[in-house]
Amino acid sequence: MGVRYTAVAIGLLFGFALAGSAQTGGGAASERDGTSASSRVLPNDIDPQSFSRLPVLKRNNMKTEDDKRIYDMLAGGEGKTVTPTGPAAISLYSPKVAEAIQMLNQYLRFHGVLKPRDYEVAILVAAREFDQQYEWSGHEMAARRAQVPAAVIDAIKYKKDSLDGFSDRDALIVTFARESFHQHRIASDLYAKTVATFGEQGTLELATIIGDYAMAAIMLNATDQHLPPGRSELLPVK
């Protein structure tokens, strides 16, 4: 995997930096649909560079050579800088956690058995369940690029119960994810349908994707990660 490809992969997987850039370039539509980050007042405990409760860690803040190796991996190569906002920046406070999460994400996205659009649909449900603006703002654009229908994105965004018009595959992913969060179990008939569609490996990986991005949402919420200037809140504000 080349340096450029690695940087793109990490941006999509962990920092959502590229998705954020795409949204900024999306122009007026994004600003009309959401609340601009630049229009909000940050709480007193939010760092003005990281836009979270944790100040930005630079490479020279890393304690060991192995920690610096992990920093370089998340940055996309030696000499590069980790995006100051998002899960990657936050996870650097525990470098081994950062490495493990990045390796899991890399496998699920590039070597797992689910399709890219399956991956993004599952992520959107997890982000919505935790009302995670940062996670959603990155992955709504990624979902559109993966050709997830607007109707599916909107149904997840606005928590619509009806899945009428969904493909069987999309309806199954949304139902599986919602039951995981709301019922804390998967009914036997739903499990059987999921295995019939995705296989046993795919079903396990679907559950792992949901859990992975639920974990990211909890990390972002715990550190009160705000959107940086140029990115808008796309989820309905309570």
Protein backbone atom coordinates (compact mmCIF):
# COMPACT_ATOMS: atom_id res chain seq x y z
CA MET A 1 0.00 0.00 0.00
CA GLY A 2 1.57 3.29 -1.08
CA VAL A 3 1.89 6.37 1.12
CA ARG A 4 -0.87 8.26 -0.70
CA TYR A 5 -3.26 5.31 -0.50
CA THR A 6 -2.44 4.84 3.18
CA ALA A 7 -3.22 8.50 3.90
CA VAL A 8 -6.56 8.23 2.11
CA ALA A 9 -7.41 5.03 3.94
CA ILE A 10 -6.65 6.46 7.37
CA GLY A 11 -8.59 9.63 6.60
CA LEU A 12 -11.65 7.57 5.76
CA LEU A 13 -11.22 5.08 8.54
CA PHE A 14 -10.25 7.07 11.54
CA GLY A 15 -10.00 10.82 11.34
CA PHE A 16 -12.81 11.51 8.86
CA ALA A 17 -10.56 14.29 7.57
CA LEU A 18 -11.19 13.61 3.91
CA ALA A 19 -14.91 13.35 4.42
CA GLY A 20 -14.79 16.66 6.23
CA SER A 21 -12.94 18.25 3.35
CA ALA A 22 -15.46 16.88 0.91
CA GLN A 23 -18.26 18.34 2.94
CA THR A 24 -16.59 21.73 3.06
CA GLY A 25 -16.34 21.58 -0.70
CA GLY A 26 -20.00 20.58 -0.88
CA GLY A 27 -20.87 24.26 -0.69
CA ALA A 28 -24.15 25.91 0.09
CA ALA A 29 -26.27 22.77 0.38
CA SER A 30 -24.38 21.56 3.44
CA GLU A 31 -24.56 24.97 5.08
CA ARG A 32 -28.31 25.23 4.40
CA ASP A 33 -29.03 21.79 5.82
CA GLY A 34 -26.96 22.09 8.99
CA THR A 35 -25.63 24.44 11.63
CA SER A 36 -22.19 25.83 10.79
CA ALA A 37 -19.46 25.03 13.31
CA SER A 38 -18.20 28.61 13.13
CA SER A 39 -21.55 29.91 14.44
CA ARG A 40 -21.37 28.01 17.75
CA VAL A 41 -19.74 29.07 21.03
CA LEU A 42 -17.46 26.39 22.47
CA PRO A 43 -17.70 25.35 26.14
CA ASN A 44 -14.87 26.46 28.43
CA ASP A 45 -13.29 23.01 28.63
CA ILE A 46 -12.87 22.64 24.85
CA ASP A 47 -9.39 23.06 23.41
CA PRO A 48 -9.37 25.61 20.55
CA GLN A 49 -7.18 23.40 18.32
CA SER A 50 -8.62 19.93 18.90
CA PHE A 51 -12.20 21.15 19.45
CA SER A 52 -12.42 18.50 22.17
CA ARG A 53 -11.53 18.20 25.86
CA LEU A 54 -8.13 16.73 24.98
CA PRO A 55 -5.38 19.03 23.70
CA VAL A 56 -3.65 18.03 20.47
CA LEU A 57 -0.79 15.57 20.89
CA LYS A 58 2.14 16.15 18.56
CA ARG A 59 4.73 13.58 17.58
CA ASN A 60 7.27 15.00 20.02
CA ASN A 61 4.73 14.50 22.84
CA MET A 62 4.83 10.73 22.32
CA LYS A 63 6.76 9.02 25.11
CA THR A 64 8.47 6.11 23.36
CA GLU A 65 9.78 5.25 19.92
CA ASP A 66 6.99 2.73 19.54
CA ASP A 67 4.44 5.43 20.35
CA LYS A 68 6.03 7.59 17.64
CA ARG A 69 5.73 4.66 15.22
CA ILE A 70 2.00 4.48 15.97
CA TYR A 71 1.68 8.24 15.53
CA ASP A 72 3.31 7.95 12.08
CA MET A 73 0.97 5.10 11.16
CA LEU A 74 -2.10 7.18 12.00
CA ALA A 75 -0.65 10.22 10.24
CA GLY A 76 -0.18 8.26 7.01
CA GLY A 77 3.61 8.19 7.10
CA GLU A 78 6.65 9.67 8.78
CA GLY A 79 6.79 13.45 8.54
CA LYS A 80 3.01 13.78 8.33
CA THR A 81 0.68 15.12 11.03
CA VAL A 82 -2.35 13.42 12.56
CA THR A 83 -5.58 15.35 11.97
CA PRO A 84 -6.09 17.34 15.21
CA THR A 85 -9.78 16.44 15.52
CA GLY A 86 -11.55 13.11 15.67
CA PRO A 87 -10.98 9.56 16.89
CA ALA A 88 -7.37 9.28 15.75
CA ALA A 89 -6.27 12.37 17.68
CA ILE A 90 -8.23 11.28 20.75
CA SER A 91 -6.96 7.69 20.68
CA LEU A 92 -3.32 8.84 20.69
CA TYR A 93 -3.70 9.38 24.43
CA SER A 94 -3.48 5.57 24.57
CA PRO A 95 -1.22 4.64 21.62
CA LYS A 96 -1.78 0.89 21.79
CA VAL A 97 -5.54 1.45 21.74
CA ALA A 98 -5.05 3.72 18.72
CA GLU A 99 -3.06 1.03 16.92
CA ALA A 100 -5.57 -1.73 17.66
CA ILE A 101 -8.55 0.34 16.52
CA GLN A 102 -6.83 1.42 13.32
CA MET A 103 -5.87 -2.16 12.47
CA LEU A 104 -9.44 -3.34 13.08
CA ASN A 105 -10.84 -0.56 10.89
CA GLN A 106 -8.32 -1.26 8.16
CA TYR A 107 -9.33 -4.91 8.06
CA LEU A 108 -13.07 -4.29 8.11
CA ARG A 109 -13.01 -1.70 5.33
CA PHE A 110 -10.43 -3.19 2.96
CA HIS A 111 -10.37 -6.91 3.71
CA GLY A 112 -13.78 -7.70 5.19
CA VAL A 113 -16.53 -9.45 3.26
CA LEU A 114 -19.14 -6.66 3.35
CA LYS A 115 -19.51 -4.13 0.55
CA PRO A 116 -18.49 -0.47 1.09
CA ARG A 117 -22.11 0.65 1.06
CA ASP A 118 -23.00 -2.00 3.66
CA TYR A 119 -20.20 -0.64 5.83
CA GLU A 120 -21.44 2.94 5.56
CA VAL A 121 -25.09 2.07 6.27
CA ALA A 122 -24.05 0.27 9.47
CA ILE A 123 -21.86 3.21 10.52
CA LEU A 124 -24.67 5.71 10.00
CA VAL A 125 -26.99 3.76 12.29
CA ALA A 126 -24.32 3.67 15.02
CA ALA A 127 -23.58 7.38 14.66
CA ARG A 128 -27.29 8.25 14.79
CA GLU A 129 -27.97 6.13 17.85
CA PHE A 130 -25.40 8.20 19.75
CA ASP A 131 -26.39 11.52 18.10
CA GLN A 132 -22.74 11.83 17.11
CA GLN A 133 -22.45 14.89 14.86
CA TYR A 134 -18.73 14.50 14.10
CA GLU A 135 -19.03 10.85 13.12
CA TRP A 136 -22.19 11.46 11.10
CA SER A 137 -20.82 14.48 9.23
CA GLY A 138 -17.91 12.43 7.95
CA HIS A 139 -19.87 9.34 7.03
CA GLU A 140 -22.95 10.86 5.45
CA MET A 141 -20.72 12.07 2.63
CA ALA A 142 -18.92 8.71 2.52
CA ALA A 143 -22.30 6.95 2.27
CA ARG A 144 -23.34 9.15 -0.64
CA ARG A 145 -20.06 8.37 -2.41
CA ALA A 146 -20.75 4.67 -1.83
CA GLN A 147 -24.13 5.20 -3.57
CA VAL A 148 -26.28 4.63 -0.52
CA PRO A 149 -29.71 6.00 -1.57
CA ALA A 150 -30.73 9.36 -0.11
CA ALA A 151 -33.93 7.74 1.18
CA VAL A 152 -31.90 5.31 3.29
CA ILE A 153 -29.69 8.07 4.69
CA ASP A 154 -32.71 10.22 5.53
CA ALA A 155 -34.56 7.33 7.19
CA ILE A 156 -31.60 6.78 9.49
CA LYS A 157 -31.03 10.50 10.06
CA TYR A 158 -34.65 11.17 11.02
CA LYS A 159 -35.12 7.83 12.83
CA LYS A 160 -38.00 6.74 10.62
CA ASP A 161 -39.56 3.42 11.54
CA SER A 162 -40.71 2.62 8.02
CA LEU A 163 -38.14 0.99 5.76
CA ASP A 164 -40.49 0.88 2.77
CA GLY A 165 -38.62 1.15 -0.50
CA PHE A 166 -35.32 -0.10 0.97
CA SER A 167 -33.49 -2.92 -0.72
CA ASP A 168 -33.63 -6.14 1.29
CA ARG A 169 -29.93 -5.72 2.06
CA ASP A 170 -30.21 -2.17 3.40
CA ALA A 171 -33.34 -2.98 5.42
CA LEU A 172 -31.58 -5.97 6.97
CA ILE A 173 -28.53 -3.91 8.03
CA VAL A 174 -30.64 -1.14 9.56
CA THR A 175 -32.89 -3.61 11.39
CA PHE A 176 -29.94 -5.66 12.66
CA ALA A 177 -28.17 -2.53 13.94
CA ARG A 178 -31.27 -1.04 15.55
CA GLU A 179 -32.14 -4.30 17.30
CA SER A 180 -28.58 -4.48 18.60
CA PHE A 181 -28.97 -1.05 20.22
CA HIS A 182 -32.62 -1.15 21.27
CA GLN A 183 -33.27 -4.80 22.16
CA HIS A 184 -29.71 -5.75 23.16
CA ARG A 185 -30.14 -9.02 21.32
CA ILE A 186 -30.78 -10.35 17.83
CA ALA A 187 -33.89 -12.48 17.37
CA SER A 188 -33.43 -15.93 15.86
CA ASP A 189 -35.33 -15.16 12.66
CA LEU A 190 -33.38 -11.94 12.07
CA TYR A 191 -30.10 -13.76 12.69
CA ALA A 192 -31.09 -16.47 10.21
CA LYS A 193 -31.96 -13.87 7.55
CA THR A 194 -28.68 -12.04 8.15
CA VAL A 195 -26.63 -15.22 7.80
CA ALA A 196 -28.55 -16.15 4.65
CA THR A 197 -27.64 -12.78 3.14
CA PHE A 198 -24.13 -12.09 4.44
CA GLY A 199 -22.91 -15.49 5.62
CA GLU A 200 -21.66 -16.30 9.09
CA GLN A 201 -18.45 -14.30 8.63
CA GLY A 202 -20.32 -11.34 7.21
CA THR A 203 -22.81 -11.38 10.06
CA LEU A 204 -20.01 -11.33 12.63
CA GLU A 205 -18.27 -8.53 10.76
CA LEU A 206 -21.52 -6.54 10.56
CA ALA A 207 -21.87 -6.79 14.34
CA THR A 208 -18.21 -5.77 14.70
CA ILE A 209 -18.62 -2.69 12.49
CA ILE A 210 -21.63 -1.60 14.54
CA GLY A 211 -19.69 -2.07 17.78
CA ASP A 212 -16.57 -0.42 16.38
CA TYR A 213 -18.36 2.78 15.45
CA ALA A 214 -20.45 2.76 18.61
CA MET A 215 -17.13 2.72 20.46
CA ALA A 216 -15.87 5.64 18.35
CA ALA A 217 -19.08 7.57 19.08
CA ILE A 218 -18.66 7.01 22.82
CA MET A 219 -15.05 8.21 22.64
CA LEU A 220 -16.12 11.33 20.73
CA ASN A 221 -18.98 12.03 23.13
CA ALA A 222 -16.83 11.47 26.23
CA THR A 223 -14.31 14.05 25.03
CA ASP A 224 -17.09 16.33 23.70
CA GLN A 225 -15.63 16.47 20.19
CA HIS A 226 -17.03 19.46 18.31
CA LEU A 227 -16.98 20.01 14.58
CA PRO A 228 -14.18 22.28 13.38
CA PRO A 229 -14.90 25.33 11.21
CA GLY A 230 -16.01 24.35 7.72
CA ARG A 231 -18.07 21.36 8.83
CA SER A 232 -21.77 21.60 9.62
CA GLU A 233 -24.04 19.72 11.99
CA LEU A 234 -26.12 17.52 9.71
CA LEU A 235 -28.12 15.64 12.34
CA PRO A 236 -31.28 17.28 13.65
CA VAL A 237 -30.38 19.36 16.71
CA LYS A 238 -32.32 18.53 19.86
